[in-house]
């Protein structure tokens, strides 16, 4: 597994599923052209572009190129943006009945070796914090960020403290694990919620 500090931007949920078996990183899904209107996804992209940086990994077709351009413009001037280009491979993904309009495989259909090579070529390095202890969903539930009657309000307060938009508990857990250690998380929770 490749540990990456930057957030990786992909087009769809199947891209994210495939990529999460290869890399340990925050993976943000644009929902295709949904990124043009979704303010929450835009806010996440801006946040990571200013902090850890982002890696854009879209499909090698014309739609992927348009989405890549939109993500770059959302990230803004001076953002830390890396472009990982997958090769043009013709074929169809196993789950699909027919190939895509242009007949090329998307990120979800590219073999892991080629994904790794694309990431190496874009100039990012492995996360130096890869061996740190991660916060689990169980800890998140115990701390009241999921499954409780005040969980939404507690998440809102934590999102505010981190400077990120309001997101689901699962997305917030990914963000927390990408920006802080378990000790830093514990200190922040104590500061926010202990009398």
C-alpha atoms as a PDB file:
ATOM      1  CA  UNK A   1       0.000   0.000   0.000  1.00  0.00           C
ATOM      2  CA  UNK A   2       1.275   3.450  -0.946  1.00  0.00           C
ATOM      3  CA  UNK A   3       0.899   6.108   1.772  1.00  0.00           C
ATOM      4  CA  UNK A   4       0.195   9.569   0.369  1.00  0.00           C
ATOM      5  CA  UNK A   5      -0.161  12.807   2.300  1.00  0.00           C
ATOM      6  CA  UNK A   6      -2.070  14.636  -0.436  1.00  0.00           C
ATOM      7  CA  UNK A   7      -5.782  14.136  -1.081  1.00  0.00           C
ATOM      8  CA  UNK A   8      -6.513  12.359  -4.358  1.00  0.00           C
ATOM      9  CA  UNK A   9      -9.370  13.656  -6.507  1.00  0.00           C
ATOM     10  CA  UNK A  10     -11.194  11.073  -8.656  1.00  0.00           C
ATOM     11  CA  UNK A  11     -14.384  11.140 -10.698  1.00  0.00           C
ATOM     12  CA  UNK A  12     -16.520   8.331  -9.280  1.00  0.00           C
ATOM     13  CA  UNK A  13     -17.133   5.984  -6.377  1.00  0.00           C
ATOM     14  CA  UNK A  14     -15.763   2.956  -8.255  1.00  0.00           C
ATOM     15  CA  UNK A  15     -12.529   4.874  -8.876  1.00  0.00           C
ATOM     16  CA  UNK A  16     -12.354   5.510  -5.120  1.00  0.00           C
ATOM     17  CA  UNK A  17     -13.008   1.848  -4.277  1.00  0.00           C
ATOM     18  CA  UNK A  18     -10.267   0.704  -6.677  1.00  0.00           C
ATOM     19  CA  UNK A  19      -7.781   3.346  -5.532  1.00  0.00           C
ATOM     20  CA  UNK A  20      -8.368   2.658  -1.829  1.00  0.00           C
ATOM     21  CA  UNK A  21      -6.961  -0.849  -2.369  1.00  0.00           C
ATOM     22  CA  UNK A  22      -3.723   0.661  -3.691  1.00  0.00           C
ATOM     23  CA  UNK A  23      -3.171   3.853  -1.676  1.00  0.00           C
ATOM     24  CA  UNK A  24      -3.658   5.021   1.881  1.00  0.00           C
ATOM     25  CA  UNK A  25      -4.884   8.575   1.352  1.00  0.00           C
ATOM     26  CA  UNK A  26      -7.935  10.780   1.531  1.00  0.00           C
ATOM     27  CA  UNK A  27      -9.842  10.199  -1.703  1.00  0.00           C
ATOM     28  CA  UNK A  28     -12.414  12.785  -2.779  1.00  0.00           C
ATOM     29  CA  UNK A  29     -15.038  11.884  -5.386  1.00  0.00           C
ATOM     30  CA  UNK A  30     -16.223  14.649  -7.744  1.00  0.00           C
ATOM     31  CA  UNK A  31     -19.289  12.660  -8.846  1.00  0.00           C
ATOM     32  CA  UNK A  32     -18.301  13.402 -12.414  1.00  0.00           C
ATOM     33  CA  UNK A  33     -19.531  16.817 -13.456  1.00  0.00           C
ATOM     34  CA  UNK A  34     -21.232  17.170 -10.050  1.00  0.00           C
ATOM     35  CA  UNK A  35     -18.108  19.055  -8.947  1.00  0.00           C
ATOM     36  CA  UNK A  36     -19.295  22.020 -11.024  1.00  0.00           C
ATOM     37  CA  UNK A  37     -22.202  22.651  -8.610  1.00  0.00           C
ATOM     38  CA  UNK A  38     -21.457  20.803  -5.343  1.00  0.00           C
ATOM     39  CA  UNK A  39     -20.240  23.490  -2.901  1.00  0.00           C
ATOM     40  CA  UNK A  40     -19.235  20.928  -0.243  1.00  0.00           C
ATOM     41  CA  UNK A  41     -16.918  19.058  -2.616  1.00  0.00           C
ATOM     42  CA  UNK A  42     -15.517  22.378  -3.859  1.00  0.00           C
ATOM     43  CA  UNK A  43     -14.814  23.448  -0.267  1.00  0.00           C
ATOM     44  CA  UNK A  44     -13.009  20.146   0.445  1.00  0.00           C
ATOM     45  CA  UNK A  45     -10.898  20.525  -2.694  1.00  0.00           C
ATOM     46  CA  UNK A  46      -9.945  24.093  -1.715  1.00  0.00           C
ATOM     47  CA  UNK A  47      -9.104  22.999   1.846  1.00  0.00           C
ATOM     48  CA  UNK A  48      -6.770  20.205   0.770  1.00  0.00           C
ATOM     49  CA  UNK A  49      -5.251  22.276  -2.050  1.00  0.00           C
ATOM     50  CA  UNK A  50      -4.215  24.877   0.561  1.00  0.00           C
ATOM     51  CA  UNK A  51      -3.023  22.396   3.209  1.00  0.00           C
ATOM     52  CA  UNK A  52      -1.662  18.984   2.176  1.00  0.00           C
ATOM     53  CA  UNK A  53      -2.102  19.459  -1.566  1.00  0.00           C
ATOM     54  CA  UNK A  54      -4.200  17.511  -4.043  1.00  0.00           C
ATOM     55  CA  UNK A  55      -3.478  14.929  -6.711  1.00  0.00           C
ATOM     56  CA  UNK A  56      -5.921  15.006  -9.619  1.00  0.00           C
ATOM     57  CA  UNK A  57      -6.396  11.551 -11.141  1.00  0.00           C
ATOM     58  CA  UNK A  58      -9.213  11.618 -13.677  1.00  0.00           C
ATOM     59  CA  UNK A  59      -9.972   9.275 -16.558  1.00  0.00           C
ATOM     60  CA  UNK A  60      -7.948   9.701 -19.752  1.00  0.00           C
ATOM     61  CA  UNK A  61     -10.993  10.676 -21.827  1.00  0.00           C
ATOM     62  CA  UNK A  62     -12.334  14.124 -22.771  1.00  0.00           C
ATOM     63  CA  UNK A  63     -14.733  14.234 -19.799  1.00  0.00           C
ATOM     64  CA  UNK A  64     -11.819  13.495 -17.454  1.00  0.00           C
ATOM     65  CA  UNK A  65      -9.852  16.320 -19.023  1.00  0.00           C
ATOM     66  CA  UNK A  66     -12.725  18.778 -18.488  1.00  0.00           C
ATOM     67  CA  UNK A  67     -13.151  17.690 -14.856  1.00  0.00           C
ATOM     68  CA  UNK A  68      -9.379  18.009 -14.280  1.00  0.00           C
ATOM     69  CA  UNK A  69      -9.528  21.591 -15.551  1.00  0.00           C
ATOM     70  CA  UNK A  70     -12.474  22.419 -13.306  1.00  0.00           C
ATOM     71  CA  UNK A  71     -10.749  20.955 -10.220  1.00  0.00           C
ATOM     72  CA  UNK A  72      -7.633  23.040 -10.984  1.00  0.00           C
ATOM     73  CA  UNK A  73      -9.713  26.209 -11.182  1.00  0.00           C
ATOM     74  CA  UNK A  74     -11.507  25.347  -7.923  1.00  0.00           C
ATOM     75  CA  UNK A  75      -8.150  24.798  -6.183  1.00  0.00           C
ATOM     76  CA  UNK A  76      -7.194  28.347  -7.135  1.00  0.00           C
ATOM     77  CA  UNK A  77      -4.010  30.317  -7.613  1.00  0.00           C
ATOM     78  CA  UNK A  78      -1.016  29.164  -5.573  1.00  0.00           C
ATOM     79  CA  UNK A  79      -2.609  25.836  -4.601  1.00  0.00           C
ATOM     80  CA  UNK A  80      -0.544  22.664  -4.302  1.00  0.00           C
ATOM     81  CA  UNK A  81      -1.844  20.674  -7.281  1.00  0.00           C
ATOM     82  CA  UNK A  82      -0.243  17.533  -8.712  1.00  0.00           C
ATOM     83  CA  UNK A  83      -1.500  15.893 -11.899  1.00  0.00           C
ATOM     84  CA  UNK A  84      -1.408  12.098 -12.103  1.00  0.00           C
ATOM     85  CA  UNK A  85      -2.202  10.939 -15.624  1.00  0.00           C
ATOM     86  CA  UNK A  86      -3.296   7.359 -16.197  1.00  0.00           C
ATOM     87  CA  UNK A  87      -2.363   5.849 -19.559  1.00  0.00           C
ATOM     88  CA  UNK A  88      -4.882   5.477 -22.362  1.00  0.00           C
ATOM     89  CA  UNK A  89      -5.878   1.827 -22.192  1.00  0.00           C
ATOM     90  CA  UNK A  90      -8.708   0.633 -24.396  1.00  0.00           C
ATOM     91  CA  UNK A  91     -11.205  -1.858 -23.042  1.00  0.00           C
ATOM     92  CA  UNK A  92     -14.140  -2.071 -20.651  1.00  0.00           C
ATOM     93  CA  UNK A  93     -14.406  -2.377 -16.888  1.00  0.00           C
ATOM     94  CA  UNK A  94     -15.660  -5.749 -15.602  1.00  0.00           C
ATOM     95  CA  UNK A  95     -18.785  -4.283 -14.009  1.00  0.00           C
ATOM     96  CA  UNK A  96     -19.916  -2.559 -17.227  1.00  0.00           C
ATOM     97  CA  UNK A  97     -21.930  -4.079 -20.035  1.00  0.00           C
ATOM     98  CA  UNK A  98     -20.306  -1.909 -22.739  1.00  0.00           C
ATOM     99  CA  UNK A  99     -17.154   0.160 -22.938  1.00  0.00           C
ATOM    100  CA  UNK A 100     -17.223   3.913 -22.323  1.00  0.00           C
ATOM    101  CA  UNK A 101     -18.094   6.348 -25.107  1.00  0.00           C
ATOM    102  CA  UNK A 102     -14.420   6.703 -26.107  1.00  0.00           C
ATOM    103  CA  UNK A 103     -13.638   3.033 -25.397  1.00  0.00           C
ATOM    104  CA  UNK A 104     -10.987   3.795 -22.760  1.00  0.00           C
ATOM    105  CA  UNK A 105     -10.659   2.348 -19.271  1.00  0.00           C
ATOM    106  CA  UNK A 106     -11.253   4.756 -16.414  1.00  0.00           C
ATOM    107  CA  UNK A 107      -9.258   4.883 -13.181  1.00  0.00           C
ATOM    108  CA  UNK A 108     -11.286   1.950 -11.823  1.00  0.00           C
ATOM    109  CA  UNK A 109     -10.088  -0.304 -14.657  1.00  0.00           C
ATOM    110  CA  UNK A 110      -6.375   0.532 -14.602  1.00  0.00           C
ATOM    111  CA  UNK A 111      -4.088  -2.061 -13.044  1.00  0.00           C
ATOM    112  CA  UNK A 112      -2.398  -1.140  -9.728  1.00  0.00           C
ATOM    113  CA  UNK A 113       1.122  -1.044 -11.202  1.00  0.00           C
ATOM    114  CA  UNK A 114       0.085   1.651 -13.689  1.00  0.00           C
ATOM    115  CA  UNK A 115      -1.653   3.642 -10.936  1.00  0.00           C
ATOM    116  CA  UNK A 116       1.554   3.514  -8.856  1.00  0.00           C
ATOM    117  CA  UNK A 117       3.632   4.650 -11.824  1.00  0.00           C
ATOM    118  CA  UNK A 118       1.244   7.555 -12.517  1.00  0.00           C
ATOM    119  CA  UNK A 119       1.554   8.681  -8.894  1.00  0.00           C
ATOM    120  CA  UNK A 120       5.363   8.454  -8.974  1.00  0.00           C
ATOM    121  CA  UNK A 121       5.536  10.477 -12.210  1.00  0.00           C
ATOM    122  CA  UNK A 122       3.466  13.338 -10.788  1.00  0.00           C
ATOM    123  CA  UNK A 123       6.155  14.161  -8.219  1.00  0.00           C
ATOM    124  CA  UNK A 124       4.543  13.365  -4.871  1.00  0.00           C
ATOM    125  CA  UNK A 125       6.355  11.567  -2.079  1.00  0.00           C
ATOM    126  CA  UNK A 126       5.236   9.069   0.517  1.00  0.00           C
ATOM    127  CA  UNK A 127       3.678  10.367   3.725  1.00  0.00           C
ATOM    128  CA  UNK A 128       6.298  10.505   6.471  1.00  0.00           C
ATOM    129  CA  UNK A 129       3.517   9.971   9.008  1.00  0.00           C
ATOM    130  CA  UNK A 130       2.395   6.663   7.488  1.00  0.00           C
ATOM    131  CA  UNK A 131       3.066   4.567  10.600  1.00  0.00           C
ATOM    132  CA  UNK A 132       1.196   6.792  13.041  1.00  0.00           C
ATOM    133  CA  UNK A 133      -1.786   5.545  14.989  1.00  0.00           C
ATOM    134  CA  UNK A 134      -5.076   6.214  13.229  1.00  0.00           C
ATOM    135  CA  UNK A 135      -8.385   7.212  14.790  1.00  0.00           C
ATOM    136  CA  UNK A 136     -10.984   4.491  14.267  1.00  0.00           C
ATOM    137  CA  UNK A 137     -14.717   4.813  13.649  1.00  0.00           C
ATOM    138  CA  UNK A 138     -15.216   3.130  17.025  1.00  0.00           C
ATOM    139  CA  UNK A 139     -13.289   5.986  18.698  1.00  0.00           C
ATOM    140  CA  UNK A 140     -15.291   8.492  16.671  1.00  0.00           C
ATOM    141  CA  UNK A 141     -18.539   6.939  17.970  1.00  0.00           C
ATOM    142  CA  UNK A 142     -17.244   6.931  21.566  1.00  0.00           C
ATOM    143  CA  UNK A 143     -16.358  10.618  21.185  1.00  0.00           C
ATOM    144  CA  UNK A 144     -19.925  11.340  20.045  1.00  0.00           C
ATOM    145  CA  UNK A 145     -19.295  12.204  16.387  1.00  0.00           C
ATOM    146  CA  UNK A 146     -21.485   9.410  15.003  1.00  0.00           C
ATOM    147  CA  UNK A 147     -24.579   7.549  16.136  1.00  0.00           C
ATOM    148  CA  UNK A 148     -25.570   9.844  19.029  1.00  0.00           C
ATOM    149  CA  UNK A 149     -28.360  12.358  19.455  1.00  0.00           C
ATOM    150  CA  UNK A 150     -25.935  15.329  19.355  1.00  0.00           C
ATOM    151  CA  UNK A 151     -23.526  13.843  16.798  1.00  0.00           C
ATOM    152  CA  UNK A 152     -24.388  16.288  14.008  1.00  0.00           C
ATOM    153  CA  UNK A 153     -23.764  19.290  16.277  1.00  0.00           C
ATOM    154  CA  UNK A 154     -20.497  17.799  17.570  1.00  0.00           C
ATOM    155  CA  UNK A 155     -19.335  17.169  13.964  1.00  0.00           C
ATOM    156  CA  UNK A 156     -20.269  20.753  13.031  1.00  0.00           C
ATOM    157  CA  UNK A 157     -18.104  22.083  15.853  1.00  0.00           C
ATOM    158  CA  UNK A 158     -15.187  19.825  14.900  1.00  0.00           C
ATOM    159  CA  UNK A 159     -15.512  20.825  11.214  1.00  0.00           C
ATOM    160  CA  UNK A 160     -15.414  24.484  12.249  1.00  0.00           C
ATOM    161  CA  UNK A 161     -12.270  23.915  14.322  1.00  0.00           C
ATOM    162  CA  UNK A 162     -10.588  22.167  11.384  1.00  0.00           C
ATOM    163  CA  UNK A 163     -11.759  24.745   8.852  1.00  0.00           C
ATOM    164  CA  UNK A 164     -13.555  22.232   6.648  1.00  0.00           C
ATOM    165  CA  UNK A 165     -17.159  22.155   5.406  1.00  0.00           C
ATOM    166  CA  UNK A 166     -19.783  20.105   7.214  1.00  0.00           C
ATOM    167  CA  UNK A 167     -19.449  16.510   6.067  1.00  0.00           C
ATOM    168  CA  UNK A 168     -20.609  13.033   7.087  1.00  0.00           C
ATOM    169  CA  UNK A 169     -18.953  11.242   9.993  1.00  0.00           C
ATOM    170  CA  UNK A 170     -17.108   8.914   7.601  1.00  0.00           C
ATOM    171  CA  UNK A 171     -15.742  11.817   5.528  1.00  0.00           C
ATOM    172  CA  UNK A 172     -14.801  13.730   8.683  1.00  0.00           C
ATOM    173  CA  UNK A 173     -12.917  10.715  10.034  1.00  0.00           C
ATOM    174  CA  UNK A 174     -10.888  10.579   6.779  1.00  0.00           C
ATOM    175  CA  UNK A 175     -10.093  14.273   7.106  1.00  0.00           C
ATOM    176  CA  UNK A 176      -9.065  13.965  10.766  1.00  0.00           C
ATOM    177  CA  UNK A 177      -6.751  11.041   9.978  1.00  0.00           C
ATOM    178  CA  UNK A 178      -5.157  12.995   7.136  1.00  0.00           C
ATOM    179  CA  UNK A 179      -4.381  16.166   9.085  1.00  0.00           C
ATOM    180  CA  UNK A 180      -3.506  15.088  12.627  1.00  0.00           C
ATOM    181  CA  UNK A 181      -2.134  12.334  14.829  1.00  0.00           C
ATOM    182  CA  UNK A 182      -4.254  10.435  17.351  1.00  0.00           C
ATOM    183  CA  UNK A 183      -2.681  12.524  20.146  1.00  0.00           C
ATOM    184  CA  UNK A 184      -3.484  15.805  18.382  1.00  0.00           C
ATOM    185  CA  UNK A 185      -7.040  14.585  17.824  1.00  0.00           C
ATOM    186  CA  UNK A 186      -7.401  13.700  21.524  1.00  0.00           C
ATOM    187  CA  UNK A 187      -6.150  17.143  22.544  1.00  0.00           C
ATOM    188  CA  UNK A 188      -8.553  18.873  20.159  1.00  0.00           C
ATOM    189  CA  UNK A 189     -11.561  16.839  21.364  1.00  0.00           C
ATOM    190  CA  UNK A 190     -10.656  17.622  24.973  1.00  0.00           C
ATOM    191  CA  UNK A 191     -10.289  21.316  24.182  1.00  0.00           C
ATOM    192  CA  UNK A 192     -13.623  21.453  22.332  1.00  0.00           C
ATOM    193  CA  UNK A 193     -15.797  19.323  24.599  1.00  0.00           C
ATOM    194  CA  UNK A 194     -14.355  18.955  28.091  1.00  0.00           C
ATOM    195  CA  UNK A 195     -15.375  21.475  30.782  1.00  0.00           C
END
